[in-house]
PDB file of all heavy atoms in Angstrom:
ATOM      1  N   LEU A   1       0.817  -1.208   0.018  1.00  0.00           N
ATOM      2  CA  LEU A   1       0.001   0.005   0.005  1.00  0.00           C
ATOM      3  C   LEU A   1       0.856   1.265   0.030  1.00  0.00           C
ATOM      4  O   LEU A   1       0.563   2.247  -0.721  1.00  0.00           O
ATOM      5  CB  LEU A   1      -0.903   0.013   1.245  1.00  0.00           C
ATOM      6  CG  LEU A   1      -2.091  -0.999   1.166  1.00  0.00           C
ATOM      7  CD1 LEU A   1      -2.836  -0.980   2.497  1.00  0.00           C
ATOM      8  CD2 LEU A   1      -3.043  -0.677   0.068  1.00  0.00           C
ATOM      9  N   VAL A   2       1.919   1.274   0.783  1.00  0.00           N
ATOM     10  CA  VAL A   2       2.819   2.434   0.779  1.00  0.00           C
ATOM     11  C   VAL A   2       3.482   2.596  -0.562  1.00  0.00           C
ATOM     12  O   VAL A   2       3.635   3.719  -1.051  1.00  0.00           O
ATOM     13  CB  VAL A   2       3.886   2.254   1.983  1.00  0.00           C
ATOM     14  CG1 VAL A   2       4.976   3.258   1.807  1.00  0.00           C
ATOM     15  CG2 VAL A   2       3.192   2.335   3.294  1.00  0.00           C
ATOM     16  N   ALA A   3       3.939   1.498  -1.145  1.00  0.00           N
ATOM     17  CA  ALA A   3       4.581   1.576  -2.463  1.00  0.00           C
ATOM     18  C   ALA A   3       3.574   2.073  -3.549  1.00  0.00           C
ATOM     19  O   ALA A   3       3.949   2.912  -4.368  1.00  0.00           O
ATOM     20  CB  ALA A   3       5.157   0.229  -2.893  1.00  0.00           C
ATOM     21  N   ALA A   4       2.350   1.572  -3.525  1.00  0.00           N
ATOM     22  CA  ALA A   4       1.384   2.058  -4.501  1.00  0.00           C
ATOM     23  C   ALA A   4       1.061   3.468  -4.296  1.00  0.00           C
ATOM     24  O   ALA A   4       0.902   4.272  -5.259  1.00  0.00           O
ATOM     25  CB  ALA A   4       0.098   1.169  -4.342  1.00  0.00           C
ATOM     26  N   ASP A   5       0.989   3.933  -3.061  1.00  0.00           N
ATOM     27  CA  ASP A   5       0.737   5.375  -2.776  1.00  0.00           C
ATOM     28  C   ASP A   5       1.894   6.206  -3.285  1.00  0.00           C
ATOM     29  O   ASP A   5       1.630   7.250  -3.890  1.00  0.00           O
ATOM     30  CB  ASP A   5       0.570   5.574  -1.306  1.00  0.00           C
ATOM     31  CG  ASP A   5       0.269   7.007  -0.970  1.00  0.00           C
ATOM     32  OD1 ASP A   5      -0.616   7.580  -1.625  1.00  0.00           O
ATOM     33  OD2 ASP A   5       0.889   7.542  -0.007  1.00  0.00           O
ATOM     34  N   ALA A   6       3.130   5.751  -3.135  1.00  0.00           N
ATOM     35  CA  ALA A   6       4.283   6.535  -3.616  1.00  0.00           C
ATOM     36  C   ALA A   6       4.274   6.556  -5.152  1.00  0.00           C
ATOM     37  O   ALA A   6       4.557   7.618  -5.751  1.00  0.00           O
ATOM     38  CB  ALA A   6       5.601   5.844  -3.138  1.00  0.00           C
ATOM     39  N   VAL A   7       3.915   5.460  -5.803  1.00  0.00           N
ATOM     40  CA  VAL A   7       3.876   5.470  -7.261  1.00  0.00           C
ATOM     41  C   VAL A   7       2.771   6.391  -7.789  1.00  0.00           C
ATOM     42  O   VAL A   7       3.040   7.195  -8.757  1.00  0.00           O
ATOM     43  CB  VAL A   7       3.650   4.061  -7.824  1.00  0.00           C
ATOM     44  CG1 VAL A   7       3.328   4.022  -9.292  1.00  0.00           C
ATOM     45  CG2 VAL A   7       4.872   3.167  -7.499  1.00  0.00           C
ATOM     46  N   VAL A   8       1.595   6.375  -7.198  1.00  0.00           N
ATOM     47  CA  VAL A   8       0.536   7.267  -7.648  1.00  0.00           C
ATOM     48  C   VAL A   8       0.907   8.722  -7.414  1.00  0.00           C
ATOM     49  O   VAL A   8       0.670   9.612  -8.228  1.00  0.00           O
ATOM     50  CB  VAL A   8      -0.793   6.853  -6.992  1.00  0.00           C
ATOM     51  CG1 VAL A   8      -1.847   7.903  -7.207  1.00  0.00           C
ATOM     52  CG2 VAL A   8      -1.268   5.509  -7.435  1.00  0.00           C
ATOM     53  N   SER A   9       1.510   9.005  -6.257  1.00  0.00           N
ATOM     54  CA  SER A   9       1.897  10.410  -5.959  1.00  0.00           C
ATOM     55  C   SER A   9       2.994  10.875  -6.962  1.00  0.00           C
ATOM     56  O   SER A   9       2.932  12.014  -7.434  1.00  0.00           O
ATOM     57  CB  SER A   9       2.493  10.497  -4.551  1.00  0.00           C
ATOM     58  OG  SER A   9       1.484  10.196  -3.626  1.00  0.00           O
ATOM     59  N   LEU A  10       3.925   9.997  -7.291  1.00  0.00           N
ATOM     60  CA  LEU A  10       4.926  10.343  -8.269  1.00  0.00           C
ATOM     61  C   LEU A  10       4.362  10.594  -9.644  1.00  0.00           C
ATOM     62  O   LEU A  10       4.706  11.491 -10.367  1.00  0.00           O
ATOM     63  CB  LEU A  10       6.000   9.271  -8.329  1.00  0.00           C
ATOM     64  CG  LEU A  10       7.205   9.562  -9.239  1.00  0.00           C
ATOM     65  CD1 LEU A  10       7.982  10.782  -8.690  1.00  0.00           C
ATOM     66  CD2 LEU A  10       8.130   8.326  -9.234  1.00  0.00           C
ATOM     67  N   LEU A  11       3.345   9.737 -10.004  1.00  0.00           N
ATOM     68  CA  LEU A  11       2.685   9.929 -11.272  1.00  0.00           C
ATOM     69  C   LEU A  11       1.947  11.249 -11.351  1.00  0.00           C
ATOM     70  O   LEU A  11       2.035  11.949 -12.403  1.00  0.00           O
ATOM     71  CB  LEU A  11       1.687   8.768 -11.490  1.00  0.00           C
ATOM     72  CG  LEU A  11       0.945   8.766 -12.824  1.00  0.00           C
ATOM     73  CD1 LEU A  11       1.909   8.508 -13.964  1.00  0.00           C
ATOM     74  CD2 LEU A  11      -0.133   7.671 -12.793  1.00  0.00           C
ATOM     75  N   ILE A  12       1.301  11.649 -10.313  1.00  0.00           N
ATOM     76  CA  ILE A  12       0.601  12.940 -10.248  1.00  0.00           C
ATOM     77  C   ILE A  12       1.586  14.083 -10.407  1.00  0.00           C
ATOM     78  O   ILE A  12       1.355  15.063 -11.183  1.00  0.00           O
ATOM     79  CB  ILE A  12      -0.238  13.079  -8.984  1.00  0.00           C
ATOM     80  CG1 ILE A  12      -1.375  12.072  -8.972  1.00  0.00           C
ATOM     81  CG2 ILE A  12      -0.681  14.473  -8.771  1.00  0.00           C
ATOM     82  CD1 ILE A  12      -2.129  11.987  -7.664  1.00  0.00           C
ATOM     83  N   VAL A  13       2.742  14.004  -9.728  1.00  0.00           N
ATOM     84  CA  VAL A  13       3.765  15.075  -9.781  1.00  0.00           C
ATOM     85  C   VAL A  13       4.274  15.152 -11.226  1.00  0.00           C
ATOM     86  O   VAL A  13       4.441  16.269 -11.788  1.00  0.00           O
ATOM     87  CB  VAL A  13       4.915  14.798  -8.829  1.00  0.00           C
ATOM     88  CG1 VAL A  13       6.068  15.686  -9.080  1.00  0.00           C
ATOM     89  CG2 VAL A  13       4.393  14.972  -7.423  1.00  0.00           C
ATOM     90  N   VAL A  14       4.546  14.031 -11.888  1.00  0.00           N
ATOM     91  CA  VAL A  14       5.048  14.042 -13.261  1.00  0.00           C
ATOM     92  C   VAL A  14       4.037  14.630 -14.209  1.00  0.00           C
ATOM     93  O   VAL A  14       4.367  15.422 -15.100  1.00  0.00           O
ATOM     94  CB  VAL A  14       5.498  12.619 -13.660  1.00  0.00           C
ATOM     95  CG1 VAL A  14       5.737  12.507 -15.204  1.00  0.00           C
ATOM     96  CG2 VAL A  14       6.696  12.143 -12.899  1.00  0.00           C
ATOM     97  N   VAL A  15       2.756  14.263 -14.097  1.00  0.00           N
ATOM     98  CA  VAL A  15       1.746  14.816 -14.990  1.00  0.00           C
ATOM     99  C   VAL A  15       1.611  16.298 -14.782  1.00  0.00           C
ATOM    100  O   VAL A  15       1.544  17.043 -15.805  1.00  0.00           O
ATOM    101  CB  VAL A  15       0.373  14.097 -14.694  1.00  0.00           C
ATOM    102  CG1 VAL A  15      -0.788  14.829 -15.399  1.00  0.00           C
ATOM    103  CG2 VAL A  15       0.451  12.658 -15.184  1.00  0.00           C
ATOM    104  N   VAL A  16       1.622  16.779 -13.604  1.00  0.00           N
ATOM    105  CA  VAL A  16       1.553  18.223 -13.341  1.00  0.00           C
ATOM    106  C   VAL A  16       2.769  18.943 -13.899  1.00  0.00           C
ATOM    107  O   VAL A  16       2.651  19.979 -14.551  1.00  0.00           O
ATOM    108  CB  VAL A  16       1.413  18.516 -11.841  1.00  0.00           C
ATOM    109  CG1 VAL A  16       1.577  20.007 -11.513  1.00  0.00           C
ATOM    110  CG2 VAL A  16       0.045  18.047 -11.359  1.00  0.00           C
ATOM    111  N   PHE A  17       3.939  18.362 -13.744  1.00  0.00           N
ATOM    112  CA  PHE A  17       5.160  18.970 -14.267  1.00  0.00           C
ATOM    113  C   PHE A  17       5.095  19.043 -15.792  1.00  0.00           C
ATOM    114  O   PHE A  17       5.451  20.050 -16.424  1.00  0.00           O
ATOM    115  CB  PHE A  17       6.371  18.147 -13.818  1.00  0.00           C
ATOM    116  CG  PHE A  17       7.642  18.708 -14.333  1.00  0.00           C
ATOM    117  CD1 PHE A  17       8.244  19.827 -13.794  1.00  0.00           C
ATOM    118  CD2 PHE A  17       8.365  18.057 -15.356  1.00  0.00           C
ATOM    119  CE1 PHE A  17       9.406  20.326 -14.295  1.00  0.00           C
ATOM    120  CE2 PHE A  17       9.539  18.513 -15.848  1.00  0.00           C
ATOM    121  CZ  PHE A  17      10.080  19.686 -15.312  1.00  0.00           C
ATOM    122  N   VAL A  18       4.692  17.990 -16.450  1.00  0.00           N
ATOM    123  CA  VAL A  18       4.599  17.958 -17.920  1.00  0.00           C
ATOM    124  C   VAL A  18       3.587  18.964 -18.378  1.00  0.00           C
ATOM    125  O   VAL A  18       3.868  19.715 -19.352  1.00  0.00           O
ATOM    126  CB  VAL A  18       4.298  16.521 -18.414  1.00  0.00           C
ATOM    127  CG1 VAL A  18       3.937  16.529 -19.885  1.00  0.00           C
ATOM    128  CG2 VAL A  18       5.449  15.649 -18.149  1.00  0.00           C
ATOM    129  N   CYS A  19       2.421  19.019 -17.753  1.00  0.00           N
ATOM    130  CA  CYS A  19       1.439  19.974 -18.202  1.00  0.00           C
ATOM    131  C   CYS A  19       1.884  21.437 -17.991  1.00  0.00           C
ATOM    132  O   CYS A  19       1.661  22.275 -18.868  1.00  0.00           O
ATOM    133  CB  CYS A  19       0.106  19.754 -17.419  1.00  0.00           C
ATOM    134  SG  CYS A  19      -0.727  18.232 -17.905  1.00  0.00           S
ATOM    135  N   ALA A  20       2.562  21.714 -16.934  1.00  0.00           N
ATOM    136  CA  ALA A  20       3.077  23.065 -16.642  1.00  0.00           C
ATOM    137  C   ALA A  20       4.182  23.417 -17.686  1.00  0.00           C
ATOM    138  O   ALA A  20       4.245  24.567 -18.137  1.00  0.00           O
ATOM    139  CB  ALA A  20       3.589  23.174 -15.243  1.00  0.00           C
ATOM    140  N   ARG A  21       4.972  22.466 -18.037  1.00  0.00           N
ATOM    141  CA  ARG A  21       6.029  22.716 -19.014  1.00  0.00           C
ATOM    142  C   ARG A  21       5.516  22.955 -20.379  1.00  0.00           C
ATOM    143  O   ARG A  21       6.036  23.824 -21.136  1.00  0.00           O
ATOM    144  CB  ARG A  21       6.981  21.499 -19.005  1.00  0.00           C
ATOM    145  CG  ARG A  21       8.233  21.760 -19.781  1.00  0.00           C
ATOM    146  CD  ARG A  21       9.337  20.946 -19.136  1.00  0.00           C
ATOM    147  NE  ARG A  21      10.535  21.028 -19.952  1.00  0.00           N
ATOM    148  CZ  ARG A  21      11.617  21.701 -19.601  1.00  0.00           C
ATOM    149  NH1 ARG A  21      11.608  22.281 -18.471  1.00  0.00           N
ATOM    150  NH2 ARG A  21      12.646  21.755 -20.402  1.00  0.00           N
ATOM    151  N   LEU A  22       4.424  22.268 -20.770  1.00  0.00           N
ATOM    152  CA  LEU A  22       3.844  22.489 -22.078  1.00  0.00           C
ATOM    153  C   LEU A  22       3.196  23.869 -22.162  1.00  0.00           C
ATOM    154  O   LEU A  22       3.165  24.444 -23.246  1.00  0.00           O
ATOM    155  CB  LEU A  22       2.768  21.388 -22.340  1.00  0.00           C
ATOM    156  CG  LEU A  22       3.315  20.008 -22.643  1.00  0.00           C
ATOM    157  CD1 LEU A  22       2.131  19.053 -22.759  1.00  0.00           C
ATOM    158  CD2 LEU A  22       4.188  19.962 -23.854  1.00  0.00           C
ATOM    159  N   ARG A  23       2.647  24.364 -21.051  1.00  0.00           N
ATOM    160  CA  ARG A  23       2.035  25.721 -21.070  1.00  0.00           C
ATOM    161  C   ARG A  23       3.063  26.824 -21.224  1.00  0.00           C
ATOM    162  O   ARG A  23       2.737  27.931 -21.598  1.00  0.00           O
ATOM    163  CB  ARG A  23       1.167  25.919 -19.892  1.00  0.00           C
ATOM    164  CG  ARG A  23      -0.110  25.140 -19.906  1.00  0.00           C
ATOM    165  CD  ARG A  23      -0.974  25.485 -18.678  1.00  0.00           C
ATOM    166  NE  ARG A  23      -1.230  26.927 -18.585  1.00  0.00           N
ATOM    167  CZ  ARG A  23      -2.339  27.506 -19.000  1.00  0.00           C
ATOM    168  NH1 ARG A  23      -3.285  26.768 -19.540  1.00  0.00           N
ATOM    169  NH2 ARG A  23      -2.493  28.800 -18.832  1.00  0.00           N
ATOM    170  N   SER A  24       4.299  26.551 -20.779  1.00  0.00           N
ATOM    171  CA  SER A  24       5.301  27.655 -20.719  1.00  0.00           C
ATOM    172  C   SER A  24       6.083  27.772 -22.003  1.00  0.00           C
ATOM    173  O   SER A  24       6.999  28.516 -22.053  1.00  0.00           O
ATOM    174  CB  SER A  24       6.227  27.397 -19.542  1.00  0.00           C
ATOM    175  OG  SER A  24       6.995  26.249 -19.737  1.00  0.00           O
ATOM    176  N   ARG A  25       5.747  27.029 -23.051  1.00  0.00           N
ATOM    177  CA  ARG A  25       6.477  27.133 -24.308  1.00  0.00           C
ATOM    178  C   ARG A  25       6.169  28.446 -25.019  1.00  0.00           C
ATOM    179  O   ARG A  25       5.030  28.933 -24.912  1.00  0.00           O
ATOM    180  CB  ARG A  25       6.098  25.982 -25.259  1.00  0.00           C
ATOM    181  CG  ARG A  25       6.695  24.634 -24.845  1.00  0.00           C
ATOM    182  CD  ARG A  25       6.451  23.666 -25.914  1.00  0.00           C
ATOM    183  NE  ARG A  25       7.083  22.426 -25.541  1.00  0.00           N
ATOM    184  CZ  ARG A  25       6.867  21.297 -26.169  1.00  0.00           C
ATOM    185  NH1 ARG A  25       6.028  21.205 -27.207  1.00  0.00           N
ATOM    186  NH2 ARG A  25       7.528  20.182 -25.815  1.00  0.00           N
ATOM    187  N   PRO A  26       7.161  29.064 -25.665  1.00  0.00           N
ATOM    188  CA  PRO A  26       6.881  30.291 -26.331  1.00  0.00           C
ATOM    189  C   PRO A  26       6.044  30.054 -27.625  1.00  0.00           C
ATOM    190  O   PRO A  26       5.959  28.927 -28.094  1.00  0.00           O
ATOM    191  CB  PRO A  26       8.316  30.766 -26.782  1.00  0.00           C
ATOM    192  CG  PRO A  26       9.144  29.563 -26.766  1.00  0.00           C
ATOM    193  CD  PRO A  26       8.541  28.608 -25.699  1.00  0.00           C
ATOM    194  N   THR A  27       5.473  31.122 -28.118  1.00  0.00           N
ATOM    195  CA  THR A  27       4.612  30.999 -29.318  1.00  0.00           C
ATOM    196  C   THR A  27       5.465  30.714 -30.517  1.00  0.00           C
ATOM    197  O   THR A  27       6.602  31.091 -30.589  1.00  0.00           O
ATOM    198  CB  THR A  27       3.811  32.295 -29.478  1.00  0.00           C
ATOM    199  OG1 THR A  27       4.732  33.366 -29.704  1.00  0.00           O
ATOM    200  CG2 THR A  27       2.891  32.598 -28.349  1.00  0.00           C
ATOM    201  N   GLN A  28       4.849  30.112 -31.483  1.00  0.00           N
ATOM    202  CA  GLN A  28       5.551  29.715 -32.733  1.00  0.00           C
ATOM    203  C   GLN A  28       5.293  30.709 -33.867  1.00  0.00           C
ATOM    204  O   GLN A  28       5.882  30.594 -34.925  1.00  0.00           O
ATOM    205  CB  GLN A  28       5.092  28.325 -33.088  1.00  0.00           C
ATOM    206  CG  GLN A  28       5.364  27.240 -32.098  1.00  0.00           C
ATOM    207  CD  GLN A  28       6.831  27.064 -31.793  1.00  0.00           C
ATOM    208  OE1 GLN A  28       7.671  27.237 -32.673  1.00  0.00           O
ATOM    209  NE2 GLN A  28       7.161  26.751 -30.564  1.00  0.00           N
ATOM    210  N   ASP A  29       4.432  31.708 -33.627  1.00  0.00           N
ATOM    211  CA  ASP A  29       4.070  32.609 -34.779  1.00  0.00           C
ATOM    212  C   ASP A  29       4.997  33.853 -34.886  1.00  0.00           C
ATOM    213  O   ASP A  29       4.864  34.632 -35.791  1.00  0.00           O
ATOM    214  CB  ASP A  29       2.613  33.051 -34.651  1.00  0.00           C
ATOM    215  CG  ASP A  29       2.307  33.724 -33.363  1.00  0.00           C
ATOM    216  OD1 ASP A  29       3.214  33.955 -32.510  1.00  0.00           O
ATOM    217  OD2 ASP A  29       1.103  34.076 -33.162  1.00  0.00           O
ATOM    218  N   GLY A  30       5.915  34.027 -33.904  1.00  0.00           N
ATOM    219  CA  GLY A  30       6.855  35.097 -34.007  1.00  0.00           C
ATOM    220  C   GLY A  30       6.329  36.427 -33.555  1.00  0.00           C
ATOM    221  O   GLY A  30       6.982  37.452 -33.587  1.00  0.00           O
ATOM    222  N   LYS A  31       5.071  36.527 -33.168  1.00  0.00           N
ATOM    223  CA  LYS A  31       4.454  37.827 -32.762  1.00  0.00           C
ATOM    224  C   LYS A  31       4.725  38.063 -31.334  1.00  0.00           C
ATOM    225  O   LYS A  31       4.938  37.179 -30.525  1.00  0.00           O
ATOM    226  CB  LYS A  31       2.928  37.831 -33.029  1.00  0.00           C
ATOM    227  CG  LYS A  31       2.584  37.737 -34.495  1.00  0.00           C
ATOM    228  CD  LYS A  31       1.080  37.727 -34.673  1.00  0.00           C
ATOM    229  CE  LYS A  31       0.750  37.502 -36.117  1.00  0.00           C
ATOM    230  NZ  LYS A  31      -0.727  37.425 -36.335  1.00  0.00           N
ATOM    231  N   ILE A  32       4.673  39.294 -30.913  1.00  0.00           N
ATOM    232  CA  ILE A  32       4.835  39.676 -29.496  1.00  0.00           C
ATOM    233  C   ILE A  32       3.490  40.204 -29.010  1.00  0.00           C
ATOM    234  O   ILE A  32       2.925  41.147 -29.555  1.00  0.00           O
ATOM    235  CB  ILE A  32       5.905  40.790 -29.321  1.00  0.00           C
ATOM    236  CG1 ILE A  32       7.284  40.245 -29.773  1.00  0.00           C
ATOM    237  CG2 ILE A  32       5.945  41.235 -27.898  1.00  0.00           C
ATOM    238  CD1 ILE A  32       8.370  41.274 -29.748  1.00  0.00           C
ATOM    239  N   TYR A  33       2.966  39.551 -28.020  1.00  0.00           N
ATOM    240  CA  TYR A  33       1.643  39.873 -27.465  1.00  0.00           C
ATOM    241  C   TYR A  33       1.928  40.656 -26.181  1.00  0.00           C
ATOM    242  O   TYR A  33       2.414  40.130 -25.182  1.00  0.00           O
ATOM    243  CB  TYR A  33       0.846  38.624 -27.128  1.00  0.00           C
ATOM    244  CG  TYR A  33       0.471  37.874 -28.387  1.00  0.00           C
ATOM    245  CD1 TYR A  33       1.271  36.850 -28.913  1.00  0.00           C
ATOM    246  CD2 TYR A  33      -0.685  38.173 -29.112  1.00  0.00           C
ATOM    247  CE1 TYR A  33       0.930  36.153 -30.026  1.00  0.00           C
ATOM    248  CE2 TYR A  33      -1.041  37.470 -30.249  1.00  0.00           C
ATOM    249  CZ  TYR A  33      -0.191  36.494 -30.720  1.00  0.00           C
ATOM    250  OH  TYR A  33      -0.551  35.815 -31.825  1.00  0.00           O
ATOM    251  N   ILE A  34       1.578  41.908 -26.170  1.00  0.00           N
ATOM    252  CA  ILE A  34       1.924  42.753 -25.020  1.00  0.00           C
ATOM    253  C   ILE A  34       1.004  42.498 -23.847  1.00  0.00           C
ATOM    254  O   ILE A  34       1.429  42.357 -22.701  1.00  0.00           O
ATOM    255  CB  ILE A  34       1.874  44.262 -25.438  1.00  0.00           C
ATOM    256  CG1 ILE A  34       2.990  44.544 -26.447  1.00  0.00           C
ATOM    257  CG2 ILE A  34       2.042  45.201 -24.196  1.00  0.00           C
ATOM    258  CD1 ILE A  34       2.917  45.929 -27.046  1.00  0.00           C
ATOM    259  N   ASN A  35      -0.301  42.427 -24.076  1.00  0.00           N
ATOM    260  CA  ASN A  35      -1.247  42.354 -23.009  1.00  0.00           C
ATOM    261  C   ASN A  35      -1.704  40.973 -22.704  1.00  0.00           C
ATOM    262  O   ASN A  35      -2.775  40.714 -22.130  1.00  0.00           O
ATOM    263  CB  ASN A  35      -2.530  43.237 -23.287  1.00  0.00           C
ATOM    264  CG  ASN A  35      -2.134  44.689 -23.250  1.00  0.00           C
ATOM    265  OD1 ASN A  35      -1.292  45.120 -22.524  1.00  0.00           O
ATOM    266  ND2 ASN A  35      -2.805  45.478 -24.101  1.00  0.00           N
TER     267      ASN A  35
END
């Protein structure tokens, strides 16, 4: 049970990290959005 809890917690952390990293990518269109 402790090992399963650690695996699920690690999986949640990895998913959050990947999602946050995908959102922080710069735009690909070359425009600068001020606001």
